[in-house]
Amino acid sequence: MGRNWVSPPGNLYASTIIRLSSHDPSPATLAFVAGLAAHETIRQIAPEIAIQLKWPNDVLTGDGAKLCGILLERAGDAIVAGFGINLVHHPENIGRPTANLRALGANPPDTQAVCEILATALAGWLRKWRQEPLSGLLRAWEAAAHPRGTALQVSLPDGESIEGLFAGLADDGALRLRLAGGEIRAIHAADTFLI
């Protein structure tokens, strides 16, 4: 999408492969697995920092600055899940608030330790994704997310931009956006921003 990426030393940049089976839930719902794993990891290494999930899988500070981004790409029967957690650095002047754990007053462990914590968290959420009803995973994601009623701007893949209020998740994980007229619109793919 023409975006530049900078990876200064000290942050966690990690990718893993998730092999899909015919019995797995929809691969699109892996965004929630990855988001919950990253959220759990940050809570474990910096419990004093207020954080929240943003649909579908960014981790933000309590006031909306981005701490972690996740990218999922599919290749055949595999999903590559890439994680970037701002431990000691964060990008600046990118048009949205960003933060890192050290600047927020935390003392994060080294990247190897964080990677091991993330791997354990991801394995646990993957097990739940595969063995338990999807509804439980989506409720766990909602419990870690910004509250219902949060104002969002949504940029759709076709370039349309709409605003509304977060109204929770649909049964398939779609973002439910309450528009100004009160109707609910299901969003399946978009960039979202807190406003």
C-alpha atoms as a PDB file:
ATOM      1  CA  MET A   1       0.000   0.000   0.000  1.00  0.00           C
ATOM      2  CA  GLY A   2       3.006   2.287  -0.457  1.00  0.00           C
ATOM      3  CA  ARG A   3       3.760   2.538   3.249  1.00  0.00           C
ATOM      4  CA  ASN A   4       7.317   2.843   4.534  1.00  0.00           C
ATOM      5  CA  TRP A   5       8.465   0.611   7.379  1.00  0.00           C
ATOM      6  CA  VAL A   6      11.329   1.399   9.738  1.00  0.00           C
ATOM      7  CA  SER A   7      12.685  -1.182  12.174  1.00  0.00           C
ATOM      8  CA  PRO A   8      15.036   0.394  14.725  1.00  0.00           C
ATOM      9  CA  PRO A   9      16.860  -2.057  17.032  1.00  0.00           C
ATOM     10  CA  GLY A  10      15.204  -2.897  20.331  1.00  0.00           C
ATOM     11  CA  ASN A  11      11.616  -3.440  19.185  1.00  0.00           C
ATOM     12  CA  LEU A  12      10.093  -6.841  18.534  1.00  0.00           C
ATOM     13  CA  TYR A  13       9.602  -7.773  14.878  1.00  0.00           C
ATOM     14  CA  ALA A  14       8.503 -11.379  14.565  1.00  0.00           C
ATOM     15  CA  SER A  15       6.597 -13.551  12.124  1.00  0.00           C
ATOM     16  CA  THR A  16       5.247 -17.047  12.417  1.00  0.00           C
ATOM     17  CA  ILE A  17       3.403 -19.462  10.153  1.00  0.00           C
ATOM     18  CA  ILE A  18       0.013 -20.861  11.106  1.00  0.00           C
ATOM     19  CA  ARG A  19      -0.907 -23.940   9.074  1.00  0.00           C
ATOM     20  CA  LEU A  20      -4.628 -24.202   8.385  1.00  0.00           C
ATOM     21  CA  SER A  21      -6.645 -27.391   8.521  1.00  0.00           C
ATOM     22  CA  SER A  22     -10.056 -28.154   7.053  1.00  0.00           C
ATOM     23  CA  HIS A  23     -11.619 -28.107  10.549  1.00  0.00           C
ATOM     24  CA  ASP A  24     -10.404 -24.604  11.486  1.00  0.00           C
ATOM     25  CA  PRO A  25     -12.741 -21.610  11.781  1.00  0.00           C
ATOM     26  CA  SER A  26     -12.603 -18.929   9.106  1.00  0.00           C
ATOM     27  CA  PRO A  27      -8.973 -17.843   8.559  1.00  0.00           C
ATOM     28  CA  ALA A  28     -10.116 -14.205   8.716  1.00  0.00           C
ATOM     29  CA  THR A  29     -10.811 -14.672  12.420  1.00  0.00           C
ATOM     30  CA  LEU A  30      -7.106 -15.287  13.050  1.00  0.00           C
ATOM     31  CA  ALA A  31      -6.851 -11.484  13.284  1.00  0.00           C
ATOM     32  CA  PHE A  32      -8.560 -11.761  16.676  1.00  0.00           C
ATOM     33  CA  VAL A  33      -6.255 -14.583  17.783  1.00  0.00           C
ATOM     34  CA  ALA A  34      -3.206 -12.490  16.885  1.00  0.00           C
ATOM     35  CA  GLY A  35      -4.602  -9.372  18.532  1.00  0.00           C
ATOM     36  CA  LEU A  36      -5.421 -11.193  21.752  1.00  0.00           C
ATOM     37  CA  ALA A  37      -1.962 -12.796  21.834  1.00  0.00           C
ATOM     38  CA  ALA A  38      -0.251  -9.415  21.399  1.00  0.00           C
ATOM     39  CA  HIS A  39      -2.550  -7.819  23.997  1.00  0.00           C
ATOM     40  CA  GLU A  40      -1.800 -10.598  26.508  1.00  0.00           C
ATOM     41  CA  THR A  41       1.937 -10.249  25.850  1.00  0.00           C
ATOM     42  CA  ILE A  42       1.965  -6.504  26.455  1.00  0.00           C
ATOM     43  CA  ARG A  43      -0.181  -6.875  29.586  1.00  0.00           C
ATOM     44  CA  GLN A  44       2.336  -9.416  30.899  1.00  0.00           C
ATOM     45  CA  ILE A  45       5.470  -7.346  30.218  1.00  0.00           C
ATOM     46  CA  ALA A  46       3.992  -3.940  31.124  1.00  0.00           C
ATOM     47  CA  PRO A  47       0.977  -4.472  33.410  1.00  0.00           C
ATOM     48  CA  GLU A  48       1.046  -0.850  34.551  1.00  0.00           C
ATOM     49  CA  ILE A  49       0.319   0.467  31.024  1.00  0.00           C
ATOM     50  CA  ALA A  50      -3.346   0.848  30.009  1.00  0.00           C
ATOM     51  CA  ILE A  51      -3.917  -0.777  26.616  1.00  0.00           C
ATOM     52  CA  GLN A  52      -6.832  -1.637  24.351  1.00  0.00           C
ATOM     53  CA  LEU A  53      -7.453  -3.530  21.118  1.00  0.00           C
ATOM     54  CA  LYS A  54      -8.669  -1.772  17.971  1.00  0.00           C
ATOM     55  CA  TRP A  55     -10.436  -3.716  15.219  1.00  0.00           C
ATOM     56  CA  PRO A  56      -9.264  -6.004  13.940  1.00  0.00           C
ATOM     57  CA  ASN A  57      -5.903  -6.438  15.660  1.00  0.00           C
ATOM     58  CA  ASP A  58      -3.920  -3.301  16.606  1.00  0.00           C
ATOM     59  CA  VAL A  59      -2.927  -2.742  20.225  1.00  0.00           C
ATOM     60  CA  LEU A  60      -3.234   0.866  21.376  1.00  0.00           C
ATOM     61  CA  THR A  61      -2.502   2.715  24.589  1.00  0.00           C
ATOM     62  CA  GLY A  62      -5.471   3.734  26.693  1.00  0.00           C
ATOM     63  CA  ASP A  63      -5.486   7.114  24.941  1.00  0.00           C
ATOM     64  CA  GLY A  64      -5.267   5.655  21.435  1.00  0.00           C
ATOM     65  CA  ALA A  65      -1.549   5.675  20.490  1.00  0.00           C
ATOM     66  CA  LYS A  66      -0.445   2.625  18.508  1.00  0.00           C
ATOM     67  CA  LEU A  67       1.864   0.236  20.396  1.00  0.00           C
ATOM     68  CA  CYS A  68       1.628  -2.838  18.196  1.00  0.00           C
ATOM     69  CA  GLY A  69       0.697  -3.631  14.639  1.00  0.00           C
ATOM     70  CA  ILE A  70      -0.069  -7.035  13.165  1.00  0.00           C
ATOM     71  CA  LEU A  71      -0.162  -8.114   9.545  1.00  0.00           C
ATOM     72  CA  LEU A  72      -1.679 -11.389   8.374  1.00  0.00           C
ATOM     73  CA  GLU A  73      -1.076 -12.709   4.863  1.00  0.00           C
ATOM     74  CA  ARG A  74      -2.255 -15.970   3.365  1.00  0.00           C
ATOM     75  CA  ALA A  75      -0.237 -18.253   1.103  1.00  0.00           C
ATOM     76  CA  GLY A  76      -2.068 -21.481   0.265  1.00  0.00           C
ATOM     77  CA  ASP A  77      -2.862 -23.357   3.471  1.00  0.00           C
ATOM     78  CA  ALA A  78      -0.677 -21.078   5.590  1.00  0.00           C
ATOM     79  CA  ILE A  79      -1.144 -17.736   7.269  1.00  0.00           C
ATOM     80  CA  VAL A  80       1.960 -15.678   7.991  1.00  0.00           C
ATOM     81  CA  ALA A  81       1.319 -13.577  11.092  1.00  0.00           C
ATOM     82  CA  GLY A  82       3.739 -10.694  11.528  1.00  0.00           C
ATOM     83  CA  PHE A  83       3.951  -8.746  14.797  1.00  0.00           C
ATOM     84  CA  GLY A  84       5.629  -5.433  15.530  1.00  0.00           C
ATOM     85  CA  ILE A  85       5.647  -4.336  19.172  1.00  0.00           C
ATOM     86  CA  ASN A  86       7.089  -0.922  20.051  1.00  0.00           C
ATOM     87  CA  LEU A  87       9.195  -1.788  23.069  1.00  0.00           C
ATOM     88  CA  VAL A  88      11.741   1.064  23.075  1.00  0.00           C
ATOM     89  CA  HIS A  89      11.113   3.073  19.881  1.00  0.00           C
ATOM     90  CA  HIS A  90       8.114   4.243  17.890  1.00  0.00           C
ATOM     91  CA  PRO A  91       7.688   5.918  14.506  1.00  0.00           C
ATOM     92  CA  GLU A  92       6.917   9.610  14.532  1.00  0.00           C
ATOM     93  CA  ASN A  93       5.135  11.952  12.147  1.00  0.00           C
ATOM     94  CA  ILE A  94       3.099   9.237  10.449  1.00  0.00           C
ATOM     95  CA  GLY A  95      -0.281  10.906  10.760  1.00  0.00           C
ATOM     96  CA  ARG A  96      -1.466   8.993  13.810  1.00  0.00           C
ATOM     97  CA  PRO A  97      -0.379   8.811  17.456  1.00  0.00           C
ATOM     98  CA  THR A  98       2.231   6.167  18.286  1.00  0.00           C
ATOM     99  CA  ALA A  99       4.026   5.170  21.482  1.00  0.00           C
ATOM    100  CA  ASN A 100       6.528   2.725  22.918  1.00  0.00           C
ATOM    101  CA  LEU A 101       6.538   0.977  26.270  1.00  0.00           C
ATOM    102  CA  ARG A 102       9.784   2.526  27.548  1.00  0.00           C
ATOM    103  CA  ALA A 103       8.570   6.067  26.825  1.00  0.00           C
ATOM    104  CA  LEU A 104       5.393   5.227  28.766  1.00  0.00           C
ATOM    105  CA  GLY A 105       7.448   4.315  31.832  1.00  0.00           C
ATOM    106  CA  ALA A 106       7.664   0.538  31.464  1.00  0.00           C
ATOM    107  CA  ASN A 107      10.885  -1.463  31.512  1.00  0.00           C
ATOM    108  CA  PRO A 108      10.255  -4.117  28.852  1.00  0.00           C
ATOM    109  CA  PRO A 109      12.453  -7.216  28.714  1.00  0.00           C
ATOM    110  CA  ASP A 110      14.695  -7.932  25.728  1.00  0.00           C
ATOM    111  CA  THR A 111      13.169  -8.949  22.418  1.00  0.00           C
ATOM    112  CA  GLN A 112      13.967 -12.664  22.831  1.00  0.00           C
ATOM    113  CA  ALA A 113      12.040 -12.813  26.102  1.00  0.00           C
ATOM    114  CA  VAL A 114       9.122 -10.903  24.576  1.00  0.00           C
ATOM    115  CA  CYS A 115       9.107 -13.237  21.574  1.00  0.00           C
ATOM    116  CA  GLU A 116       8.883 -16.270  23.868  1.00  0.00           C
ATOM    117  CA  ILE A 117       5.992 -14.723  25.813  1.00  0.00           C
ATOM    118  CA  LEU A 118       4.226 -13.904  22.540  1.00  0.00           C
ATOM    119  CA  ALA A 119       4.746 -17.448  21.203  1.00  0.00           C
ATOM    120  CA  THR A 120       3.195 -18.933  24.345  1.00  0.00           C
ATOM    121  CA  ALA A 121       0.246 -16.525  24.224  1.00  0.00           C
ATOM    122  CA  LEU A 122      -0.331 -17.182  20.522  1.00  0.00           C
ATOM    123  CA  ALA A 123      -0.277 -20.959  21.059  1.00  0.00           C
ATOM    124  CA  GLY A 124      -2.886 -20.624  23.811  1.00  0.00           C
ATOM    125  CA  TRP A 125      -5.241 -18.446  21.755  1.00  0.00           C
ATOM    126  CA  LEU A 126      -4.796 -20.698  18.702  1.00  0.00           C
ATOM    127  CA  ARG A 127      -5.821 -23.689  20.801  1.00  0.00           C
ATOM    128  CA  LYS A 128      -8.973 -21.854  21.948  1.00  0.00           C
ATOM    129  CA  TRP A 129      -9.700 -20.767  18.348  1.00  0.00           C
ATOM    130  CA  ARG A 130      -9.527 -24.382  17.188  1.00  0.00           C
ATOM    131  CA  GLN A 131     -11.242 -26.096  20.123  1.00  0.00           C
ATOM    132  CA  GLU A 132     -13.837 -23.682  21.508  1.00  0.00           C
ATOM    133  CA  PRO A 133     -16.779 -21.802  19.987  1.00  0.00           C
ATOM    134  CA  LEU A 134     -15.709 -18.669  18.113  1.00  0.00           C
ATOM    135  CA  SER A 135     -18.163 -16.617  20.158  1.00  0.00           C
ATOM    136  CA  GLY A 136     -15.958 -16.966  23.252  1.00  0.00           C
ATOM    137  CA  LEU A 137     -12.923 -15.666  21.412  1.00  0.00           C
ATOM    138  CA  LEU A 138     -14.863 -12.704  20.030  1.00  0.00           C
ATOM    139  CA  ARG A 139     -16.208 -11.864  23.515  1.00  0.00           C
ATOM    140  CA  ALA A 140     -12.649 -11.997  24.890  1.00  0.00           C
ATOM    141  CA  TRP A 141     -11.537  -9.631  22.116  1.00  0.00           C
ATOM    142  CA  GLU A 142     -14.397  -7.219  22.868  1.00  0.00           C
ATOM    143  CA  ALA A 143     -13.512  -7.249  26.581  1.00  0.00           C
ATOM    144  CA  ALA A 144      -9.955  -6.113  25.687  1.00  0.00           C
ATOM    145  CA  ALA A 145     -11.066  -3.526  23.113  1.00  0.00           C
ATOM    146  CA  HIS A 146     -12.066   0.108  23.347  1.00  0.00           C
ATOM    147  CA  PRO A 147     -15.619   0.411  24.687  1.00  0.00           C
ATOM    148  CA  ARG A 148     -18.791   0.287  22.660  1.00  0.00           C
ATOM    149  CA  GLY A 149     -19.747   3.786  21.583  1.00  0.00           C
ATOM    150  CA  THR A 150     -16.148   4.740  20.712  1.00  0.00           C
ATOM    151  CA  ALA A 151     -16.122   7.025  17.660  1.00  0.00           C
ATOM    152  CA  LEU A 152     -14.358   5.472  14.664  1.00  0.00           C
ATOM    153  CA  GLN A 153     -13.378   6.543  11.180  1.00  0.00           C
ATOM    154  CA  VAL A 154     -13.331   3.640   8.748  1.00  0.00           C
ATOM    155  CA  SER A 155     -11.458   3.714   5.435  1.00  0.00           C
ATOM    156  CA  LEU A 156     -12.835   1.010   3.147  1.00  0.00           C
ATOM    157  CA  PRO A 157     -10.777  -0.743   0.456  1.00  0.00           C
ATOM    158  CA  ASP A 158     -12.694   1.118  -2.303  1.00  0.00           C
ATOM    159  CA  GLY A 159     -11.585   4.478  -0.836  1.00  0.00           C
ATOM    160  CA  GLU A 160     -14.879   5.304   0.891  1.00  0.00           C
ATOM    161  CA  SER A 161     -14.483   6.826   4.347  1.00  0.00           C
ATOM    162  CA  ILE A 162     -17.274   6.643   6.911  1.00  0.00           C
ATOM    163  CA  GLU A 163     -17.636   7.554  10.570  1.00  0.00           C
ATOM    164  CA  GLY A 164     -19.697   5.936  13.256  1.00  0.00           C
ATOM    165  CA  LEU A 165     -19.703   4.423  16.711  1.00  0.00           C
ATOM    166  CA  PHE A 166     -18.298   1.021  17.624  1.00  0.00           C
ATOM    167  CA  ALA A 167     -21.243  -1.304  18.220  1.00  0.00           C
ATOM    168  CA  GLY A 168     -19.328  -4.511  18.930  1.00  0.00           C
ATOM    169  CA  LEU A 169     -18.586  -7.480  16.722  1.00  0.00           C
ATOM    170  CA  ALA A 170     -20.872  -9.538  14.533  1.00  0.00           C
ATOM    171  CA  ASP A 171     -20.911 -13.332  14.963  1.00  0.00           C
ATOM    172  CA  ASP A 172     -18.348 -13.665  12.144  1.00  0.00           C
ATOM    173  CA  GLY A 173     -16.032 -10.992  13.609  1.00  0.00           C
ATOM    174  CA  ALA A 174     -17.148  -8.141  11.357  1.00  0.00           C
ATOM    175  CA  LEU A 175     -16.983  -4.681  12.878  1.00  0.00           C
ATOM    176  CA  ARG A 176     -20.471  -3.389  13.678  1.00  0.00           C
ATOM    177  CA  LEU A 177     -20.502   0.373  13.053  1.00  0.00           C
ATOM    178  CA  ARG A 178     -23.500   2.444  14.182  1.00  0.00           C
ATOM    179  CA  LEU A 179     -24.001   5.216  11.617  1.00  0.00           C
ATOM    180  CA  ALA A 180     -25.432   8.681  12.313  1.00  0.00           C
ATOM    181  CA  GLY A 181     -28.952   7.553  11.381  1.00  0.00           C
ATOM    182  CA  GLY A 182     -28.815   4.678  13.875  1.00  0.00           C
ATOM    183  CA  GLU A 183     -28.429   1.851  11.357  1.00  0.00           C
ATOM    184  CA  ILE A 184     -25.682  -0.741  11.859  1.00  0.00           C
ATOM    185  CA  ARG A 185     -23.226  -1.408   9.048  1.00  0.00           C
ATOM    186  CA  ALA A 186     -21.085  -4.553   9.062  1.00  0.00           C
ATOM    187  CA  ILE A 187     -17.481  -3.873   8.023  1.00  0.00           C
ATOM    188  CA  HIS A 188     -15.419  -6.889   6.909  1.00  0.00           C
ATOM    189  CA  ALA A 189     -12.226  -5.186   5.690  1.00  0.00           C
ATOM    190  CA  ALA A 190     -11.017  -1.658   6.410  1.00  0.00           C
ATOM    191  CA  ASP A 191      -8.489   0.528   8.162  1.00  0.00           C
ATOM    192  CA  THR A 192     -10.013   1.937  11.333  1.00  0.00           C
ATOM    193  CA  PHE A 193      -8.994   4.961  13.376  1.00  0.00           C
ATOM    194  CA  LEU A 194     -10.213   6.257  16.713  1.00  0.00           C
ATOM    195  CA  ILE A 195     -11.600   9.815  16.451  1.00  0.00           C
END
